[in-house]
N, C-alpha and C. Protein backbone atom coordinates (compact mmCIF):
# COMPACT_ATOMS: atom_id res chain seq x y z
N UNK A 1 -51.47 93.85 31.65
CA UNK A 1 -50.37 94.57 32.25
C UNK A 1 -49.32 93.57 32.72
N UNK A 2 -48.06 93.93 32.51
CA UNK A 2 -46.97 93.05 32.91
C UNK A 2 -46.75 93.13 34.41
N UNK A 3 -46.50 91.98 34.99
CA UNK A 3 -46.17 92.03 36.40
C UNK A 3 -44.66 92.23 36.55
N UNK A 4 -44.22 92.47 37.74
CA UNK A 4 -42.81 92.77 38.01
C UNK A 4 -41.88 91.65 37.58
N UNK A 5 -42.30 90.41 37.74
CA UNK A 5 -41.47 89.26 37.38
C UNK A 5 -41.25 89.22 35.87
N UNK A 6 -42.31 89.45 35.09
CA UNK A 6 -42.17 89.46 33.63
C UNK A 6 -41.29 90.61 33.17
N UNK A 7 -41.45 91.77 33.77
CA UNK A 7 -40.64 92.93 33.42
C UNK A 7 -39.16 92.67 33.73
N UNK A 8 -38.90 92.06 34.86
CA UNK A 8 -37.54 91.70 35.25
C UNK A 8 -36.94 90.71 34.25
N UNK A 9 -37.73 89.73 33.82
CA UNK A 9 -37.27 88.75 32.84
C UNK A 9 -36.95 89.42 31.50
N UNK A 10 -37.78 90.34 31.07
CA UNK A 10 -37.56 91.03 29.81
C UNK A 10 -36.29 91.88 29.88
N UNK A 11 -36.11 92.61 30.98
CA UNK A 11 -34.91 93.43 31.15
C UNK A 11 -33.65 92.57 31.20
N UNK A 12 -33.72 91.44 31.86
CA UNK A 12 -32.57 90.54 31.94
C UNK A 12 -32.23 89.99 30.56
N UNK A 13 -33.25 89.62 29.80
CA UNK A 13 -33.04 89.10 28.45
C UNK A 13 -32.41 90.16 27.56
N UNK A 14 -32.89 91.39 27.64
CA UNK A 14 -32.32 92.49 26.86
C UNK A 14 -30.86 92.71 27.24
N UNK A 15 -30.58 92.69 28.53
CA UNK A 15 -29.20 92.89 29.00
C UNK A 15 -28.28 91.80 28.46
N UNK A 16 -28.75 90.55 28.46
CA UNK A 16 -27.94 89.44 27.95
C UNK A 16 -27.72 89.60 26.44
N UNK A 17 -28.76 89.95 25.71
CA UNK A 17 -28.65 90.12 24.26
C UNK A 17 -27.69 91.26 23.91
N UNK A 18 -27.77 92.37 24.63
CA UNK A 18 -26.85 93.48 24.40
C UNK A 18 -25.41 93.04 24.69
N UNK A 19 -25.22 92.32 25.77
CA UNK A 19 -23.88 91.85 26.13
C UNK A 19 -23.33 90.91 25.07
N UNK A 20 -24.15 89.99 24.60
CA UNK A 20 -23.71 89.05 23.56
C UNK A 20 -23.38 89.79 22.27
N UNK A 21 -24.20 90.76 21.91
CA UNK A 21 -23.95 91.55 20.70
C UNK A 21 -22.62 92.30 20.81
N UNK A 22 -22.38 92.92 21.95
CA UNK A 22 -21.12 93.63 22.15
C UNK A 22 -19.93 92.68 22.11
N UNK A 23 -20.08 91.53 22.71
CA UNK A 23 -19.01 90.53 22.71
C UNK A 23 -18.69 90.09 21.28
N UNK A 24 -19.71 89.83 20.49
CA UNK A 24 -19.50 89.43 19.10
C UNK A 24 -18.83 90.56 18.32
N UNK A 25 -19.29 91.79 18.52
CA UNK A 25 -18.71 92.94 17.83
C UNK A 25 -17.22 93.07 18.14
N UNK A 26 -16.86 93.01 19.42
CA UNK A 26 -15.45 93.17 19.78
C UNK A 26 -14.62 91.98 19.34
N UNK A 27 -15.19 90.79 19.34
CA UNK A 27 -14.46 89.61 18.86
C UNK A 27 -14.16 89.75 17.37
N UNK A 28 -15.15 90.18 16.60
CA UNK A 28 -14.94 90.37 15.16
C UNK A 28 -13.93 91.48 14.90
N UNK A 29 -14.04 92.57 15.64
CA UNK A 29 -13.10 93.68 15.49
C UNK A 29 -11.67 93.21 15.79
N UNK A 30 -11.51 92.43 16.83
CA UNK A 30 -10.20 91.90 17.20
C UNK A 30 -9.67 90.96 16.12
N UNK A 31 -10.53 90.11 15.60
CA UNK A 31 -10.12 89.17 14.56
C UNK A 31 -9.69 89.91 13.29
N UNK A 32 -10.47 90.90 12.88
CA UNK A 32 -10.14 91.68 11.69
C UNK A 32 -8.82 92.42 11.90
N UNK A 33 -8.67 93.04 13.07
CA UNK A 33 -7.44 93.77 13.38
C UNK A 33 -6.23 92.84 13.37
N UNK A 34 -6.39 91.69 14.01
CA UNK A 34 -5.30 90.73 14.09
C UNK A 34 -4.89 90.24 12.70
N UNK A 35 -5.88 89.94 11.86
CA UNK A 35 -5.58 89.47 10.50
C UNK A 35 -4.88 90.55 9.69
N UNK A 36 -5.35 91.79 9.79
CA UNK A 36 -4.73 92.89 9.04
C UNK A 36 -3.30 93.12 9.53
N UNK A 37 -3.09 93.05 10.85
CA UNK A 37 -1.75 93.22 11.40
C UNK A 37 -0.82 92.13 10.90
N UNK A 38 -1.27 90.88 10.95
CA UNK A 38 -0.43 89.77 10.50
C UNK A 38 -0.13 89.89 9.01
N UNK A 39 -1.11 90.34 8.24
CA UNK A 39 -0.88 90.58 6.81
C UNK A 39 0.21 91.63 6.62
N UNK A 40 0.13 92.71 7.40
CA UNK A 40 1.14 93.76 7.33
C UNK A 40 2.52 93.25 7.65
N UNK A 41 2.64 92.45 8.70
CA UNK A 41 3.94 91.89 9.09
C UNK A 41 4.47 90.99 7.98
N UNK A 42 3.60 90.15 7.44
CA UNK A 42 4.04 89.24 6.35
C UNK A 42 4.51 90.03 5.13
N UNK A 43 3.75 91.04 4.75
CA UNK A 43 4.13 91.86 3.59
C UNK A 43 5.43 92.60 3.85
N UNK A 44 5.62 93.09 5.07
CA UNK A 44 6.87 93.77 5.43
C UNK A 44 8.05 92.81 5.29
N UNK A 45 7.88 91.60 5.79
CA UNK A 45 8.96 90.61 5.71
C UNK A 45 9.27 90.24 4.26
N UNK A 46 8.26 90.33 3.40
CA UNK A 46 8.45 90.04 1.98
C UNK A 46 8.94 91.27 1.21
N UNK A 47 9.16 92.36 1.94
CA UNK A 47 9.62 93.63 1.39
C UNK A 47 8.58 94.29 0.46
N UNK A 48 7.31 93.94 0.66
CA UNK A 48 6.22 94.63 -0.04
C UNK A 48 5.77 95.76 0.88
N UNK A 49 6.54 96.85 0.88
CA UNK A 49 6.33 97.91 1.84
C UNK A 49 5.04 98.70 1.58
N UNK A 50 4.64 98.84 0.32
CA UNK A 50 3.38 99.53 0.04
C UNK A 50 2.19 98.72 0.56
N UNK A 51 2.23 97.42 0.35
CA UNK A 51 1.17 96.56 0.86
C UNK A 51 1.14 96.55 2.38
N UNK A 52 2.32 96.50 2.98
CA UNK A 52 2.42 96.53 4.44
C UNK A 52 1.88 97.84 4.98
N UNK A 53 2.23 98.94 4.31
CA UNK A 53 1.73 100.24 4.75
C UNK A 53 0.21 100.27 4.75
N UNK A 54 -0.39 99.77 3.68
CA UNK A 54 -1.86 99.75 3.59
C UNK A 54 -2.46 98.91 4.71
N UNK A 55 -1.86 97.76 4.99
CA UNK A 55 -2.37 96.88 6.05
C UNK A 55 -2.26 97.54 7.42
N UNK A 56 -1.12 98.16 7.69
CA UNK A 56 -0.94 98.80 8.99
C UNK A 56 -1.87 100.01 9.15
N UNK A 57 -2.06 100.74 8.07
CA UNK A 57 -3.00 101.87 8.15
C UNK A 57 -4.43 101.38 8.41
N UNK A 58 -4.76 100.23 7.86
CA UNK A 58 -6.10 99.65 8.11
C UNK A 58 -6.24 99.30 9.59
N UNK A 59 -5.21 98.71 10.16
CA UNK A 59 -5.25 98.35 11.59
C UNK A 59 -5.44 99.62 12.43
N UNK A 60 -4.71 100.67 12.11
CA UNK A 60 -4.82 101.92 12.87
C UNK A 60 -6.21 102.52 12.72
N UNK A 61 -6.81 102.37 11.53
CA UNK A 61 -8.17 102.91 11.35
C UNK A 61 -9.18 102.15 12.19
N UNK A 62 -8.92 100.89 12.46
CA UNK A 62 -9.81 100.08 13.30
C UNK A 62 -9.51 100.29 14.77
N UNK A 63 -8.21 100.34 15.11
CA UNK A 63 -7.79 100.46 16.50
C UNK A 63 -6.73 101.56 16.59
N UNK A 64 -7.18 102.77 16.84
CA UNK A 64 -6.29 103.92 16.78
C UNK A 64 -5.35 104.03 17.98
N UNK A 65 -5.48 103.17 18.96
CA UNK A 65 -4.65 103.28 20.16
C UNK A 65 -3.43 102.37 20.15
N UNK A 66 -3.22 101.61 19.10
CA UNK A 66 -2.16 100.62 19.08
C UNK A 66 -0.84 101.22 18.61
N UNK A 67 0.07 101.46 19.55
CA UNK A 67 1.37 102.07 19.22
C UNK A 67 2.33 101.08 18.57
N UNK A 68 2.17 99.80 18.80
CA UNK A 68 3.04 98.81 18.15
C UNK A 68 2.84 98.88 16.64
N UNK A 69 1.59 99.03 16.22
CA UNK A 69 1.31 99.14 14.79
C UNK A 69 1.92 100.42 14.23
N UNK A 70 1.89 101.50 15.00
CA UNK A 70 2.51 102.75 14.56
C UNK A 70 4.02 102.57 14.37
N UNK A 71 4.64 101.81 15.24
CA UNK A 71 6.08 101.54 15.09
C UNK A 71 6.35 100.77 13.80
N UNK A 72 5.54 99.75 13.54
CA UNK A 72 5.70 98.98 12.30
C UNK A 72 5.43 99.85 11.08
N UNK A 73 4.41 100.69 11.16
CA UNK A 73 4.11 101.59 10.05
C UNK A 73 5.28 102.55 9.82
N UNK A 74 5.85 103.06 10.90
CA UNK A 74 7.01 103.94 10.78
C UNK A 74 8.18 103.23 10.11
N UNK A 75 8.43 101.99 10.49
CA UNK A 75 9.50 101.20 9.86
C UNK A 75 9.23 101.04 8.37
N UNK A 76 7.97 100.78 8.05
CA UNK A 76 7.57 100.58 6.65
C UNK A 76 7.77 101.86 5.85
N UNK A 77 7.38 102.98 6.43
CA UNK A 77 7.56 104.27 5.75
C UNK A 77 9.04 104.57 5.55
N UNK A 78 9.85 104.29 6.56
CA UNK A 78 11.29 104.52 6.46
C UNK A 78 11.89 103.69 5.31
N UNK A 79 11.45 102.46 5.19
CA UNK A 79 11.95 101.60 4.12
C UNK A 79 11.57 102.14 2.74
N UNK A 80 10.48 102.89 2.66
CA UNK A 80 10.05 103.48 1.39
C UNK A 80 10.66 104.85 1.15
N UNK A 81 11.50 105.31 2.09
CA UNK A 81 12.13 106.61 1.94
C UNK A 81 11.25 107.76 2.39
N UNK A 82 10.15 107.45 3.06
CA UNK A 82 9.24 108.49 3.56
C UNK A 82 9.67 108.87 4.97
N UNK A 83 10.85 109.49 5.04
CA UNK A 83 11.52 109.75 6.31
C UNK A 83 10.73 110.73 7.19
N UNK A 84 10.20 111.79 6.60
CA UNK A 84 9.47 112.78 7.39
C UNK A 84 8.24 112.15 8.04
N UNK A 85 7.52 111.33 7.28
CA UNK A 85 6.33 110.66 7.83
C UNK A 85 6.71 109.67 8.94
N UNK A 86 7.78 108.92 8.70
CA UNK A 86 8.24 107.96 9.70
C UNK A 86 8.66 108.68 10.97
N UNK A 87 9.40 109.78 10.80
CA UNK A 87 9.85 110.57 11.95
C UNK A 87 8.65 111.04 12.76
N UNK A 88 7.64 111.56 12.08
CA UNK A 88 6.45 112.05 12.77
C UNK A 88 5.74 110.92 13.52
N UNK A 89 5.66 109.75 12.92
CA UNK A 89 5.02 108.62 13.61
C UNK A 89 5.78 108.24 14.87
N UNK A 90 7.11 108.17 14.78
CA UNK A 90 7.90 107.81 15.96
C UNK A 90 7.77 108.87 17.05
N UNK A 91 7.73 110.14 16.64
CA UNK A 91 7.53 111.22 17.61
C UNK A 91 6.14 111.11 18.25
N UNK A 92 5.16 110.72 17.46
CA UNK A 92 3.81 110.53 17.99
C UNK A 92 3.78 109.40 19.02
N UNK A 93 4.47 108.31 18.73
CA UNK A 93 4.54 107.20 19.69
C UNK A 93 5.19 107.68 20.98
N UNK A 94 6.23 108.48 20.87
CA UNK A 94 6.91 109.00 22.06
C UNK A 94 5.96 109.89 22.86
N UNK A 95 5.21 110.73 22.18
CA UNK A 95 4.24 111.60 22.88
C UNK A 95 3.15 110.78 23.56
N UNK A 96 2.66 109.78 22.85
CA UNK A 96 1.55 108.95 23.36
C UNK A 96 2.01 107.99 24.46
N UNK A 97 3.21 107.46 24.30
CA UNK A 97 3.74 106.45 25.24
C UNK A 97 5.18 106.79 25.59
N UNK A 98 5.38 107.80 26.42
CA UNK A 98 6.75 108.25 26.71
C UNK A 98 7.62 107.21 27.43
N UNK A 99 7.03 106.14 27.90
CA UNK A 99 7.82 105.10 28.57
C UNK A 99 8.12 103.93 27.65
N UNK A 100 7.81 104.06 26.35
CA UNK A 100 8.09 103.02 25.38
C UNK A 100 9.44 103.30 24.72
N UNK A 101 10.46 102.51 25.03
CA UNK A 101 11.79 102.80 24.48
C UNK A 101 11.89 102.61 22.97
N UNK A 102 10.98 101.84 22.40
CA UNK A 102 11.07 101.56 20.96
C UNK A 102 10.90 102.82 20.11
N UNK A 103 10.04 103.72 20.52
CA UNK A 103 9.88 104.97 19.79
C UNK A 103 11.18 105.76 19.75
N UNK A 104 11.85 105.85 20.89
CA UNK A 104 13.13 106.56 20.98
C UNK A 104 14.21 105.89 20.13
N UNK A 105 14.24 104.56 20.17
CA UNK A 105 15.26 103.83 19.41
C UNK A 105 15.06 104.02 17.90
N UNK A 106 13.83 103.92 17.46
CA UNK A 106 13.57 104.05 16.03
C UNK A 106 13.82 105.50 15.56
N UNK A 107 13.44 106.45 16.38
CA UNK A 107 13.70 107.85 16.03
C UNK A 107 15.21 108.10 15.99
N UNK A 108 15.94 107.55 16.95
CA UNK A 108 17.40 107.70 16.97
C UNK A 108 18.02 107.11 15.71
N UNK A 109 17.51 106.01 15.25
CA UNK A 109 18.01 105.38 14.03
C UNK A 109 17.89 106.32 12.84
N UNK A 110 16.73 106.93 12.70
CA UNK A 110 16.53 107.89 11.60
C UNK A 110 17.46 109.09 11.76
N UNK A 111 17.58 109.58 12.98
CA UNK A 111 18.44 110.74 13.23
C UNK A 111 19.90 110.44 12.91
N UNK A 112 20.35 109.22 13.23
CA UNK A 112 21.72 108.83 12.89
C UNK A 112 21.90 108.77 11.38
N UNK A 113 20.90 108.24 10.67
CA UNK A 113 20.97 108.18 9.21
C UNK A 113 21.05 109.58 8.61
N UNK A 114 20.45 110.55 9.28
CA UNK A 114 20.46 111.93 8.80
C UNK A 114 21.62 112.73 9.39
N UNK A 115 22.51 112.03 10.07
CA UNK A 115 23.70 112.61 10.68
C UNK A 115 23.37 113.72 11.67
N UNK A 116 22.31 113.52 12.40
CA UNK A 116 21.92 114.42 13.49
C UNK A 116 22.30 113.73 14.80
N UNK A 117 23.59 113.67 15.03
CA UNK A 117 24.13 112.87 16.12
C UNK A 117 23.67 113.33 17.50
N UNK A 118 23.59 114.63 17.72
CA UNK A 118 23.22 115.13 19.05
C UNK A 118 21.80 114.69 19.42
N UNK A 119 20.86 114.84 18.48
CA UNK A 119 19.48 114.42 18.76
C UNK A 119 19.39 112.90 18.88
N UNK A 120 20.15 112.20 18.04
CA UNK A 120 20.15 110.74 18.11
C UNK A 120 20.65 110.29 19.47
N UNK A 121 21.71 110.92 19.94
CA UNK A 121 22.30 110.57 21.24
C UNK A 121 21.29 110.80 22.36
N UNK A 122 20.56 111.91 22.31
CA UNK A 122 19.55 112.21 23.33
C UNK A 122 18.48 111.13 23.36
N UNK A 123 18.03 110.70 22.18
CA UNK A 123 17.00 109.66 22.12
C UNK A 123 17.53 108.31 22.58
N UNK A 124 18.77 108.01 22.25
CA UNK A 124 19.38 106.76 22.70
C UNK A 124 19.53 106.75 24.23
N UNK A 125 19.92 107.87 24.79
CA UNK A 125 20.06 107.95 26.25
C UNK A 125 18.70 107.75 26.93
N UNK A 126 17.66 108.34 26.36
CA UNK A 126 16.31 108.17 26.92
C UNK A 126 15.88 106.70 26.84
N UNK A 127 16.13 106.08 25.71
CA UNK A 127 15.79 104.66 25.55
C UNK A 127 16.57 103.80 26.54
N UNK A 128 17.85 104.10 26.70
CA UNK A 128 18.69 103.34 27.63
C UNK A 128 18.15 103.45 29.05
N UNK A 129 17.80 104.65 29.45
CA UNK A 129 17.27 104.87 30.79
C UNK A 129 15.96 104.09 31.00
N UNK A 130 15.09 104.12 30.02
CA UNK A 130 13.82 103.40 30.12
C UNK A 130 14.05 101.89 30.18
N UNK A 131 14.96 101.40 29.37
CA UNK A 131 15.25 99.96 29.37
C UNK A 131 15.82 99.51 30.71
N UNK A 132 16.65 100.34 31.32
CA UNK A 132 17.18 99.99 32.64
C UNK A 132 16.05 99.93 33.67
N UNK A 133 15.14 100.91 33.61
CA UNK A 133 14.01 100.93 34.54
C UNK A 133 13.09 99.74 34.32
N UNK A 134 13.01 99.29 33.07
CA UNK A 134 12.12 98.17 32.73
C UNK A 134 12.83 96.81 32.85
N UNK A 135 13.97 96.83 33.47
CA UNK A 135 14.75 95.62 33.74
C UNK A 135 15.10 94.85 32.46
N UNK A 136 15.65 95.60 31.50
CA UNK A 136 16.16 95.01 30.27
C UNK A 136 17.63 95.40 30.14
N UNK A 137 18.47 94.90 31.08
CA UNK A 137 19.86 95.38 31.14
C UNK A 137 20.70 95.04 29.92
N UNK A 138 20.44 93.92 29.27
CA UNK A 138 21.26 93.55 28.11
C UNK A 138 21.07 94.54 26.96
N UNK A 139 19.83 94.89 26.70
CA UNK A 139 19.55 95.86 25.64
C UNK A 139 20.11 97.23 26.02
N UNK A 140 19.98 97.59 27.29
CA UNK A 140 20.52 98.87 27.77
C UNK A 140 22.04 98.90 27.60
N UNK A 141 22.71 97.77 27.82
CA UNK A 141 24.17 97.70 27.65
C UNK A 141 24.55 97.88 26.18
N UNK A 142 23.76 97.31 25.27
CA UNK A 142 24.04 97.47 23.84
C UNK A 142 23.95 98.95 23.45
N UNK A 143 22.98 99.62 23.99
CA UNK A 143 22.83 101.05 23.69
C UNK A 143 24.00 101.83 24.29
N UNK A 144 24.43 101.44 25.49
CA UNK A 144 25.57 102.11 26.12
C UNK A 144 26.82 101.96 25.25
N UNK A 145 27.02 100.77 24.67
CA UNK A 145 28.18 100.56 23.79
C UNK A 145 28.06 101.44 22.54
N UNK A 146 26.85 101.52 22.00
CA UNK A 146 26.63 102.37 20.83
C UNK A 146 26.92 103.84 21.16
N UNK A 147 26.47 104.27 22.33
CA UNK A 147 26.73 105.66 22.75
C UNK A 147 28.22 105.91 22.91
N UNK A 148 28.93 104.92 23.45
CA UNK A 148 30.39 105.04 23.58
C UNK A 148 31.05 105.16 22.22
N UNK A 149 30.60 104.36 21.26
CA UNK A 149 31.15 104.42 19.90
C UNK A 149 30.89 105.79 19.27
N UNK A 150 29.69 106.30 19.49
CA UNK A 150 29.35 107.63 18.96
C UNK A 150 30.24 108.68 19.59
N UNK A 151 30.49 108.55 20.88
CA UNK A 151 31.33 109.52 21.59
C UNK A 151 32.77 109.47 21.09
N UNK A 152 33.29 108.26 20.88
CA UNK A 152 34.67 108.13 20.42
C UNK A 152 34.83 108.65 18.98
N UNK A 153 33.79 108.52 18.15
CA UNK A 153 33.86 109.05 16.77
C UNK A 153 33.81 110.56 16.75
N UNK A 154 33.11 111.15 17.73
CA UNK A 154 32.98 112.61 17.74
C UNK A 154 34.22 113.29 18.31
N UNK A 155 35.08 112.51 18.96
CA UNK A 155 36.32 113.11 19.55
C UNK A 155 37.46 113.08 18.57
């Protein structure tokens, strides 16, 4: 029969082994995700949008919570002319992370391309407000100038 000291040693060893296994698992997952993301960025920069799309989708399949990857995937889809899919991704980022100005900016870009100025303006105003709150005044000023230009064109 095992005494209490031996049982304690066995439980401690099991706990350490489980912790090490989990650490290795998450390290490998992070490495794979990072490599796939970097591959996607490189392919995007090389204008291989189909390859970039596949890489970004792989990252999302591994780590479904990463909104930065969704933004890159949306950009990639937009470059391929898959506007509806890109729009949906940007709207998803906005729903998931309503304080992320990048979703609003990218959605506004698509809306401007589709000549939906009113919706584009609303998204730009939201992005501007968030950027001001996040202490990014220079970017907020650029958006303000863009909004002024849009206003002067509509008059």
